[in-house]
Amino acid sequence: MLRRIAGHGSLSTTQRYLRPRIRKITAAEAALSAHFSALRAPRHCRASSP
């Protein structure tokens, strides 16, 4: 069903898009960690926003 919704001709194409890429997962993890670290930082240590 997902293959048809995505408009892929073959199931292998759909599966290729569903497989997580370790580099993308690691980059997302780092971005989230940085975001939450900034939120936990004391107010005086946070960068000022424009």
N, C-alpha and C. Protein backbone atom coordinates (compact mmCIF):
# COMPACT_ATOMS: atom_id res chain seq x y z
N MET A 1 0.82 -1.19 0.00
CA MET A 1 0.00 0.00 0.00
C MET A 1 0.87 1.26 0.00
N LEU A 2 1.90 1.29 0.87
CA LEU A 2 2.79 2.45 0.93
C LEU A 2 3.48 2.66 -0.42
N ARG A 3 3.84 1.57 -1.08
CA ARG A 3 4.47 1.68 -2.39
C ARG A 3 3.57 2.43 -3.36
N ARG A 4 2.29 2.10 -3.35
CA ARG A 4 1.34 2.77 -4.26
C ARG A 4 1.14 4.23 -3.88
N ILE A 5 1.05 4.51 -2.58
CA ILE A 5 0.86 5.89 -2.14
C ILE A 5 2.05 6.75 -2.56
N ALA A 6 3.27 6.19 -2.41
CA ALA A 6 4.48 6.92 -2.79
C ALA A 6 4.66 7.00 -4.29
N GLY A 7 3.95 6.17 -5.03
CA GLY A 7 4.06 6.17 -6.48
C GLY A 7 5.27 5.43 -7.00
N HIS A 8 5.83 4.54 -6.18
CA HIS A 8 6.99 3.77 -6.61
C HIS A 8 6.54 2.58 -7.45
N GLY A 9 7.37 2.27 -8.45
CA GLY A 9 7.06 1.14 -9.31
C GLY A 9 7.39 -0.21 -8.68
N SER A 10 8.34 -0.20 -7.75
CA SER A 10 8.74 -1.47 -7.15
C SER A 10 8.85 -1.32 -5.63
N LEU A 11 8.68 -2.43 -4.95
CA LEU A 11 8.79 -2.45 -3.50
C LEU A 11 10.21 -2.14 -3.05
N SER A 12 11.20 -2.56 -3.83
CA SER A 12 12.59 -2.29 -3.44
C SER A 12 12.88 -0.79 -3.38
N THR A 13 12.26 -0.01 -4.23
CA THR A 13 12.43 1.45 -4.19
C THR A 13 11.87 2.00 -2.89
N THR A 14 10.69 1.56 -2.50
CA THR A 14 10.07 2.01 -1.25
C THR A 14 10.93 1.61 -0.06
N GLN A 15 11.44 0.39 -0.07
CA GLN A 15 12.27 -0.10 1.03
C GLN A 15 13.55 0.72 1.18
N ARG A 16 14.09 1.17 0.06
CA ARG A 16 15.31 1.99 0.10
C ARG A 16 15.06 3.27 0.89
N TYR A 17 13.88 3.86 0.73
CA TYR A 17 13.56 5.09 1.45
C TYR A 17 13.22 4.83 2.91
N LEU A 18 12.83 3.63 3.25
CA LEU A 18 12.45 3.32 4.61
C LEU A 18 13.64 2.96 5.49
N ARG A 19 14.75 2.56 4.91
CA ARG A 19 15.92 2.17 5.69
C ARG A 19 16.58 3.39 6.30
N PRO A 20 16.74 3.38 7.61
CA PRO A 20 17.40 4.53 8.24
C PRO A 20 18.88 4.59 7.86
N ARG A 21 19.38 5.76 7.67
CA ARG A 21 20.79 5.97 7.38
C ARG A 21 21.48 6.39 8.67
N ILE A 22 22.51 5.67 9.05
CA ILE A 22 23.18 5.91 10.34
C ILE A 22 23.71 7.33 10.44
N ARG A 23 24.24 7.89 9.35
CA ARG A 23 24.77 9.26 9.42
C ARG A 23 23.66 10.27 9.68
N LYS A 24 22.50 10.05 9.07
CA LYS A 24 21.38 10.97 9.27
C LYS A 24 20.84 10.85 10.70
N ILE A 25 20.80 9.64 11.21
CA ILE A 25 20.33 9.42 12.57
C ILE A 25 21.30 10.07 13.56
N THR A 26 22.60 9.90 13.33
CA THR A 26 23.61 10.48 14.21
C THR A 26 23.55 12.01 14.16
N ALA A 27 23.36 12.58 12.99
CA ALA A 27 23.27 14.04 12.86
C ALA A 27 22.02 14.56 13.57
N ALA A 28 20.91 13.85 13.43
CA ALA A 28 19.68 14.25 14.11
C ALA A 28 19.85 14.18 15.62
N GLU A 29 20.52 13.15 16.09
CA GLU A 29 20.78 13.00 17.52
C GLU A 29 21.63 14.16 18.04
N ALA A 30 22.67 14.53 17.30
CA ALA A 30 23.53 15.64 17.71
C ALA A 30 22.76 16.95 17.74
N ALA A 31 21.91 17.18 16.75
CA ALA A 31 21.12 18.41 16.71
C ALA A 31 20.16 18.48 17.88
N LEU A 32 19.51 17.38 18.18
CA LEU A 32 18.58 17.36 19.32
C LEU A 32 19.32 17.56 20.64
N SER A 33 20.47 16.92 20.78
CA SER A 33 21.25 17.08 22.00
C SER A 33 21.67 18.54 22.19
N ALA A 34 22.12 19.18 21.13
CA ALA A 34 22.52 20.58 21.21
C ALA A 34 21.33 21.45 21.58
N HIS A 35 20.19 21.18 20.99
CA HIS A 35 18.98 21.95 21.27
C HIS A 35 18.59 21.82 22.74
N PHE A 36 18.55 20.60 23.25
CA PHE A 36 18.14 20.40 24.63
C PHE A 36 19.20 20.91 25.61
N SER A 37 20.45 20.84 25.24
CA SER A 37 21.51 21.39 26.10
C SER A 37 21.34 22.90 26.24
N ALA A 38 21.01 23.55 25.13
CA ALA A 38 20.79 25.00 25.16
C ALA A 38 19.58 25.34 26.02
N LEU A 39 18.56 24.53 25.99
CA LEU A 39 17.38 24.79 26.81
C LEU A 39 17.67 24.61 28.30
N ARG A 40 18.58 23.68 28.61
CA ARG A 40 18.91 23.41 30.02
C ARG A 40 19.93 24.39 30.58
N ALA A 41 20.61 25.12 29.71
CA ALA A 41 21.64 26.05 30.17
C ALA A 41 21.00 27.16 31.00
N PRO A 42 21.71 27.63 32.01
CA PRO A 42 21.18 28.76 32.79
C PRO A 42 20.91 29.95 31.88
N ARG A 43 19.93 30.74 32.23
CA ARG A 43 19.51 31.86 31.39
C ARG A 43 20.67 32.80 31.03
N HIS A 44 21.56 33.08 31.95
CA HIS A 44 22.65 34.01 31.68
C HIS A 44 23.68 33.44 30.71
N CYS A 45 23.66 32.12 30.48
CA CYS A 45 24.61 31.49 29.55
C CYS A 45 24.05 31.33 28.15
N ARG A 46 22.75 31.53 27.99
CA ARG A 46 22.13 31.36 26.67
C ARG A 46 22.48 32.53 25.77
N ALA A 47 22.60 32.21 24.50
CA ALA A 47 22.85 33.27 23.51
C ALA A 47 21.60 34.12 23.39
N SER A 48 21.81 35.42 23.22
CA SER A 48 20.64 36.29 23.07
C SER A 48 20.08 36.16 21.67
N SER A 49 18.78 36.25 21.55
CA SER A 49 18.15 36.14 20.24
C SER A 49 17.93 37.53 19.66
N PRO A 50 17.99 37.62 18.34
CA PRO A 50 17.83 38.92 17.69
C PRO A 50 16.45 39.49 17.85
